PDB file of all heavy atoms in Angstrom:
ATOM      1  N   ALA A   1     103.003 101.561  89.637  1.00  0.00           N
ATOM      2  CA  ALA A   1     103.154 102.664  90.651  1.00  0.00           C
ATOM      3  C   ALA A   1     104.449 103.387  90.397  1.00  0.00           C
ATOM      4  O   ALA A   1     105.344 102.933  89.814  1.00  0.00           O
ATOM      5  CB  ALA A   1     103.106 102.070  92.091  1.00  0.00           C
ATOM      6  N   ILE A   2     104.566 104.545  91.103  1.00  0.00           N
ATOM      7  CA  ILE A   2     105.794 105.236  91.279  1.00  0.00           C
ATOM      8  C   ILE A   2     106.140 105.266  92.737  1.00  0.00           C
ATOM      9  O   ILE A   2     105.274 105.670  93.575  1.00  0.00           O
ATOM     10  CB  ILE A   2     105.694 106.686  90.673  1.00  0.00           C
ATOM     11  CG1 ILE A   2     105.482 106.657  89.244  1.00  0.00           C
ATOM     12  CG2 ILE A   2     106.965 107.465  91.064  1.00  0.00           C
ATOM     13  CD1 ILE A   2     105.173 108.052  88.613  1.00  0.00           C
ATOM     14  N   TRP A   3     107.300 104.652  93.048  1.00  0.00           N
ATOM     15  CA  TRP A   3     107.702 104.570  94.403  1.00  0.00           C
ATOM     16  C   TRP A   3     108.545 105.883  94.797  1.00  0.00           C
ATOM     17  O   TRP A   3     109.245 106.463  93.936  1.00  0.00           O
ATOM     18  CB  TRP A   3     108.657 103.380  94.689  1.00  0.00           C
ATOM     19  CG  TRP A   3     108.137 102.102  94.634  1.00  0.00           C
ATOM     20  CD1 TRP A   3     106.849 101.705  94.029  1.00  0.00           C
ATOM     21  CD2 TRP A   3     108.667 100.840  95.124  1.00  0.00           C
ATOM     22  NE1 TRP A   3     106.708 100.375  94.131  1.00  0.00           N
ATOM     23  CE2 TRP A   3     107.791  99.829  94.832  1.00  0.00           C
ATOM     24  CE3 TRP A   3     109.797 100.621  95.878  1.00  0.00           C
ATOM     25  CZ2 TRP A   3     107.986  98.538  95.220  1.00  0.00           C
ATOM     26  CZ3 TRP A   3     110.096  99.303  96.256  1.00  0.00           C
ATOM     27  CH2 TRP A   3     109.132  98.233  95.901  1.00  0.00           C
ATOM     28  N   GLU A   4     108.432 106.281  96.062  1.00  0.00           N
ATOM     29  CA  GLU A   4     109.317 107.336  96.623  1.00  0.00           C
ATOM     30  C   GLU A   4     110.198 106.551  97.618  1.00  0.00           C
ATOM     31  O   GLU A   4     109.772 105.935  98.573  1.00  0.00           O
ATOM     32  CB  GLU A   4     108.481 108.392  97.317  1.00  0.00           C
ATOM     33  CG  GLU A   4     109.427 109.491  97.898  1.00  0.00           C
ATOM     34  CD  GLU A   4     108.572 110.460  98.751  1.00  0.00           C
ATOM     35  OE1 GLU A   4     108.299 110.150  99.916  1.00  0.00           O
ATOM     36  OE2 GLU A   4     108.334 111.565  98.220  1.00  0.00           O
ATOM     37  N   VAL A   5     111.500 106.705  97.326  1.00  0.00           N
ATOM     38  CA  VAL A   5     112.511 105.969  98.220  1.00  0.00           C
ATOM     39  C   VAL A   5     113.348 107.028  98.941  1.00  0.00           C
ATOM     40  O   VAL A   5     113.875 107.979  98.297  1.00  0.00           O
ATOM     41  CB  VAL A   5     113.487 105.172  97.314  1.00  0.00           C
ATOM     42  CG1 VAL A   5     114.461 104.408  98.123  1.00  0.00           C
ATOM     43  CG2 VAL A   5     112.609 104.116  96.536  1.00  0.00           C
ATOM     44  N   ASP A   6     113.495 106.853 100.250  1.00  0.00           N
ATOM     45  CA  ASP A   6     114.395 107.709 101.000  1.00  0.00           C
ATOM     46  C   ASP A   6     115.871 107.362 100.634  1.00  0.00           C
ATOM     47  O   ASP A   6     116.243 106.198 100.848  1.00  0.00           O
ATOM     48  CB  ASP A   6     114.141 107.519 102.571  1.00  0.00           C
ATOM     49  CG  ASP A   6     114.963 108.467 103.348  1.00  0.00           C
ATOM     50  OD1 ASP A   6     114.539 109.612 103.576  1.00  0.00           O
ATOM     51  OD2 ASP A   6     116.095 108.060 103.719  1.00  0.00           O
ATOM     52  N   ARG A   7     116.559 108.340 100.214  1.00  0.00           N
ATOM     53  CA  ARG A   7     117.876 108.048  99.714  1.00  0.00           C
ATOM     54  C   ARG A   7     118.826 107.553 100.772  1.00  0.00           C
ATOM     55  O   ARG A   7     119.766 106.731 100.564  1.00  0.00           O
ATOM     56  CB  ARG A   7     118.517 109.298  99.022  1.00  0.00           C
ATOM     57  CG  ARG A   7     119.666 109.024  98.142  1.00  0.00           C
ATOM     58  CD  ARG A   7     119.978 110.212  97.251  1.00  0.00           C
ATOM     59  NE  ARG A   7     120.592 111.250  97.942  1.00  0.00           N
ATOM     60  CZ  ARG A   7     121.951 111.369  98.219  1.00  0.00           C
ATOM     61  NH1 ARG A   7     122.728 110.421  97.807  1.00  0.00           N
ATOM     62  NH2 ARG A   7     122.453 112.407  98.850  1.00  0.00           N
ATOM     63  N   ALA A   8     118.705 108.055 102.017  1.00  0.00           N
ATOM     64  CA  ALA A   8     119.603 107.726 103.049  1.00  0.00           C
ATOM     65  C   ALA A   8     119.297 106.323 103.708  1.00  0.00           C
ATOM     66  O   ALA A   8     120.219 105.580 104.045  1.00  0.00           O
ATOM     67  CB  ALA A   8     119.498 108.751 104.278  1.00  0.00           C
ATOM     68  N   THR A   9     118.030 105.897 103.794  1.00  0.00           N
ATOM     69  CA  THR A   9     117.673 104.719 104.483  1.00  0.00           C
ATOM     70  C   THR A   9     117.212 103.570 103.551  1.00  0.00           C
ATOM     71  O   THR A   9     117.219 102.404 104.000  1.00  0.00           O
ATOM     72  CB  THR A   9     116.571 104.990 105.506  1.00  0.00           C
ATOM     73  OG1 THR A   9     115.386 105.368 104.815  1.00  0.00           O
ATOM     74  CG2 THR A   9     117.037 106.076 106.430  1.00  0.00           C
ATOM     75  N   GLY A  10     116.723 103.940 102.345  1.00  0.00           N
ATOM     76  CA  GLY A  10     116.089 102.896 101.522  1.00  0.00           C
ATOM     77  C   GLY A  10     114.632 102.674 101.838  1.00  0.00           C
ATOM     78  O   GLY A  10     113.950 101.897 101.103  1.00  0.00           O
ATOM     79  N   ASN A  11     114.131 103.308 102.877  1.00  0.00           N
ATOM     80  CA  ASN A  11     112.675 103.164 103.166  1.00  0.00           C
ATOM     81  C   ASN A  11     111.872 103.712 101.969  1.00  0.00           C
ATOM     82  O   ASN A  11     112.280 104.737 101.359  1.00  0.00           O
ATOM     83  CB  ASN A  11     112.336 103.893 104.453  1.00  0.00           C
ATOM     84  CG  ASN A  11     112.956 103.257 105.669  1.00  0.00           C
ATOM     85  OD1 ASN A  11     113.271 102.121 105.655  1.00  0.00           O
ATOM     86  ND2 ASN A  11     113.232 104.073 106.713  1.00  0.00           N
ATOM     87  N   HIS A  12     110.702 103.102 101.744  1.00  0.00           N
ATOM     88  CA  HIS A  12     110.043 103.501 100.526  1.00  0.00           C
ATOM     89  C   HIS A  12     108.515 103.493 100.807  1.00  0.00           C
ATOM     90  O   HIS A  12     107.987 102.827 101.748  1.00  0.00           O
ATOM     91  CB  HIS A  12     110.312 102.665  99.332  1.00  0.00           C
ATOM     92  CG  HIS A  12     109.821 101.207  99.467  1.00  0.00           C
ATOM     93  ND1 HIS A  12     110.548 100.205 100.167  1.00  0.00           N
ATOM     94  CD2 HIS A  12     108.762 100.576  99.044  1.00  0.00           C
ATOM     95  CE1 HIS A  12     109.934  99.072 100.135  1.00  0.00           C
ATOM     96  NE2 HIS A  12     108.813  99.278  99.447  1.00  0.00           N
ATOM     97  N   ARG A  13     107.811 104.162  99.985  1.00  0.00           N
ATOM     98  CA  ARG A  13     106.358 104.258 100.040  1.00  0.00           C
ATOM     99  C   ARG A  13     105.812 104.385  98.571  1.00  0.00           C
ATOM    100  O   ARG A  13     106.537 104.750  97.742  1.00  0.00           O
ATOM    101  CB  ARG A  13     105.815 105.367 100.894  1.00  0.00           C
ATOM    102  CG  ARG A  13     106.021 106.687 100.315  1.00  0.00           C
ATOM    103  CD  ARG A  13     105.579 107.830 101.309  1.00  0.00           C
ATOM    104  NE  ARG A  13     105.734 109.155 100.714  1.00  0.00           N
ATOM    105  CZ  ARG A  13     104.856 109.900 100.133  1.00  0.00           C
ATOM    106  NH1 ARG A  13     103.615 109.410  99.910  1.00  0.00           N
ATOM    107  NH2 ARG A  13     105.117 111.140  99.633  1.00  0.00           N
ATOM    108  N   ILE A  14     104.574 104.101  98.407  1.00  0.00           N
ATOM    109  CA  ILE A  14     103.884 104.283  97.108  1.00  0.00           C
ATOM    110  C   ILE A  14     103.636 105.778  96.988  1.00  0.00           C
ATOM    111  O   ILE A  14     102.721 106.331  97.766  1.00  0.00           O
ATOM    112  CB  ILE A  14     102.687 103.426  96.869  1.00  0.00           C
ATOM    113  CG1 ILE A  14     103.084 101.886  97.021  1.00  0.00           C
ATOM    114  CG2 ILE A  14     101.999 103.709  95.520  1.00  0.00           C
ATOM    115  CD1 ILE A  14     103.972 101.473  96.037  1.00  0.00           C
ATOM    116  N   PHE A  15     104.203 106.524  96.036  1.00  0.00           N
ATOM    117  CA  PHE A  15     103.867 107.909  95.802  1.00  0.00           C
ATOM    118  C   PHE A  15     102.644 108.115  95.032  1.00  0.00           C
ATOM    119  O   PHE A  15     101.876 108.955  95.336  1.00  0.00           O
ATOM    120  CB  PHE A  15     105.110 108.510  95.054  1.00  0.00           C
ATOM    121  CG  PHE A  15     104.955 109.977  94.874  1.00  0.00           C
ATOM    122  CD1 PHE A  15     105.156 110.912  95.879  1.00  0.00           C
ATOM    123  CD2 PHE A  15     104.633 110.442  93.572  1.00  0.00           C
ATOM    124  CE1 PHE A  15     105.036 112.306  95.591  1.00  0.00           C
ATOM    125  CE2 PHE A  15     104.540 111.797  93.390  1.00  0.00           C
ATOM    126  CZ  PHE A  15     104.675 112.758  94.313  1.00  0.00           C
ATOM    127  N   ALA A  16     102.484 107.282  93.995  1.00  0.00           N
ATOM    128  CA  ALA A  16     101.249 107.322  93.138  1.00  0.00           C
ATOM    129  C   ALA A  16     101.036 105.967  92.554  1.00  0.00           C
ATOM    130  O   ALA A  16     101.969 105.172  92.348  1.00  0.00           O
ATOM    131  CB  ALA A  16     101.424 108.345  91.995  1.00  0.00           C
ATOM    132  N   SER A  17      99.761 105.547  92.326  1.00  0.00           N
ATOM    133  CA  SER A  17      99.461 104.232  91.916  1.00  0.00           C
ATOM    134  C   SER A  17      98.392 104.240  90.769  1.00  0.00           C
ATOM    135  O   SER A  17      97.991 105.283  90.367  1.00  0.00           O
ATOM    136  CB  SER A  17      98.919 103.414  93.117  1.00  0.00           C
ATOM    137  OG  SER A  17      97.682 104.013  93.644  1.00  0.00           O
ATOM    138  N   GLY A  18      98.127 103.007  90.348  1.00  0.00           N
ATOM    139  CA  GLY A  18      97.123 102.932  89.257  1.00  0.00           C
ATOM    140  C   GLY A  18      97.682 103.391  87.926  1.00  0.00           C
ATOM    141  O   GLY A  18      96.945 103.755  87.015  1.00  0.00           O
ATOM    142  N   ILE A  19      99.053 103.318  87.792  1.00  0.00           N
ATOM    143  CA  ILE A  19      99.712 103.793  86.598  1.00  0.00           C
ATOM    144  C   ILE A  19     100.349 102.495  85.882  1.00  0.00           C
ATOM    145  O   ILE A  19     101.233 101.970  86.301  1.00  0.00           O
ATOM    146  CB  ILE A  19     100.850 104.736  86.954  1.00  0.00           C
ATOM    147  CG1 ILE A  19     100.267 105.850  87.774  1.00  0.00           C
ATOM    148  CG2 ILE A  19     101.453 105.295  85.717  1.00  0.00           C
ATOM    149  CD1 ILE A  19     101.314 106.866  88.335  1.00  0.00           C
ATOM    150  N   ARG A  20      99.634 102.043  84.860  1.00  0.00           N
ATOM    151  CA  ARG A  20      99.970 100.759  84.307  1.00  0.00           C
ATOM    152  C   ARG A  20     101.406 100.515  84.031  1.00  0.00           C
ATOM    153  O   ARG A  20     101.977  99.506  84.474  1.00  0.00           O
ATOM    154  CB  ARG A  20      99.131 100.441  83.042  1.00  0.00           C
ATOM    155  CG  ARG A  20      99.377  99.109  82.378  1.00  0.00           C
ATOM    156  CD  ARG A  20      98.553  98.912  81.170  1.00  0.00           C
ATOM    157  NE  ARG A  20      98.812  97.679  80.455  1.00  0.00           N
ATOM    158  CZ  ARG A  20      99.664  97.572  79.449  1.00  0.00           C
ATOM    159  NH1 ARG A  20     100.433  98.592  79.113  1.00  0.00           N
ATOM    160  NH2 ARG A  20      99.850  96.426  78.882  1.00  0.00           N
ATOM    161  N   ASN A  21     102.062 101.301  83.256  1.00  0.00           N
ATOM    162  CA  ASN A  21     103.475 101.105  82.878  1.00  0.00           C
ATOM    163  C   ASN A  21     104.154 102.416  82.707  1.00  0.00           C
ATOM    164  O   ASN A  21     104.383 102.939  81.649  1.00  0.00           O
ATOM    165  CB  ASN A  21     103.678 100.232  81.691  1.00  0.00           C
ATOM    166  CG  ASN A  21     105.089  99.864  81.389  1.00  0.00           C
ATOM    167  OD1 ASN A  21     105.922  99.877  82.258  1.00  0.00           O
ATOM    168  ND2 ASN A  21     105.412  99.530  80.139  1.00  0.00           N
ATOM    169  N   PRO A  22     104.568 103.099  83.796  1.00  0.00           N
ATOM    170  CA  PRO A  22     105.297 104.386  83.645  1.00  0.00           C
ATOM    171  C   PRO A  22     106.741 104.160  83.362  1.00  0.00           C
ATOM    172  O   PRO A  22     107.308 103.098  83.766  1.00  0.00           O
ATOM    173  CB  PRO A  22     105.156 104.973  85.167  1.00  0.00           C
ATOM    174  CG  PRO A  22     105.084 103.712  86.009  1.00  0.00           C
ATOM    175  CD  PRO A  22     104.365 102.696  85.208  1.00  0.00           C
ATOM    176  N   ASN A  23     107.330 104.933  82.499  1.00  0.00           N
ATOM    177  CA  ASN A  23     108.750 104.850  82.184  1.00  0.00           C
ATOM    178  C   ASN A  23     109.413 106.171  82.278  1.00  0.00           C
ATOM    179  O   ASN A  23     110.175 106.419  83.247  1.00  0.00           O
ATOM    180  CB  ASN A  23     108.823 104.324  80.696  1.00  0.00           C
ATOM    181  CG  ASN A  23     108.712 102.851  80.575  1.00  0.00           C
ATOM    182  OD1 ASN A  23     109.745 102.173  80.655  1.00  0.00           O
ATOM    183  ND2 ASN A  23     107.537 102.343  80.462  1.00  0.00           N
ATOM    184  N   GLY A  24     109.244 107.156  81.402  1.00  0.00           N
ATOM    185  CA  GLY A  24     109.870 108.344  81.501  1.00  0.00           C
ATOM    186  C   GLY A  24     109.427 109.144  82.772  1.00  0.00           C
ATOM    187  O   GLY A  24     108.255 109.158  83.169  1.00  0.00           O
ATOM    188  N   LEU A  25     110.337 109.800  83.488  1.00  0.00           N
ATOM    189  CA  LEU A  25     110.174 110.622  84.635  1.00  0.00           C
ATOM    190  C   LEU A  25     110.947 111.921  84.404  1.00  0.00           C
ATOM    191  O   LEU A  25     112.054 111.918  83.989  1.00  0.00           O
ATOM    192  CB  LEU A  25     110.603 109.989  85.924  1.00  0.00           C
ATOM    193  CG  LEU A  25     109.831 108.826  86.521  1.00  0.00           C
ATOM    194  CD1 LEU A  25     110.590 108.223  87.672  1.00  0.00           C
ATOM    195  CD2 LEU A  25     108.423 109.329  86.952  1.00  0.00           C
TER     196      LEU A  25
END
């Protein structure tokens, strides 16, 4: 997955999933 993390709080959610091994962004 690719996580989305709130920079101020550290709260996170799954932004996108089913992605075996993502590296470059």
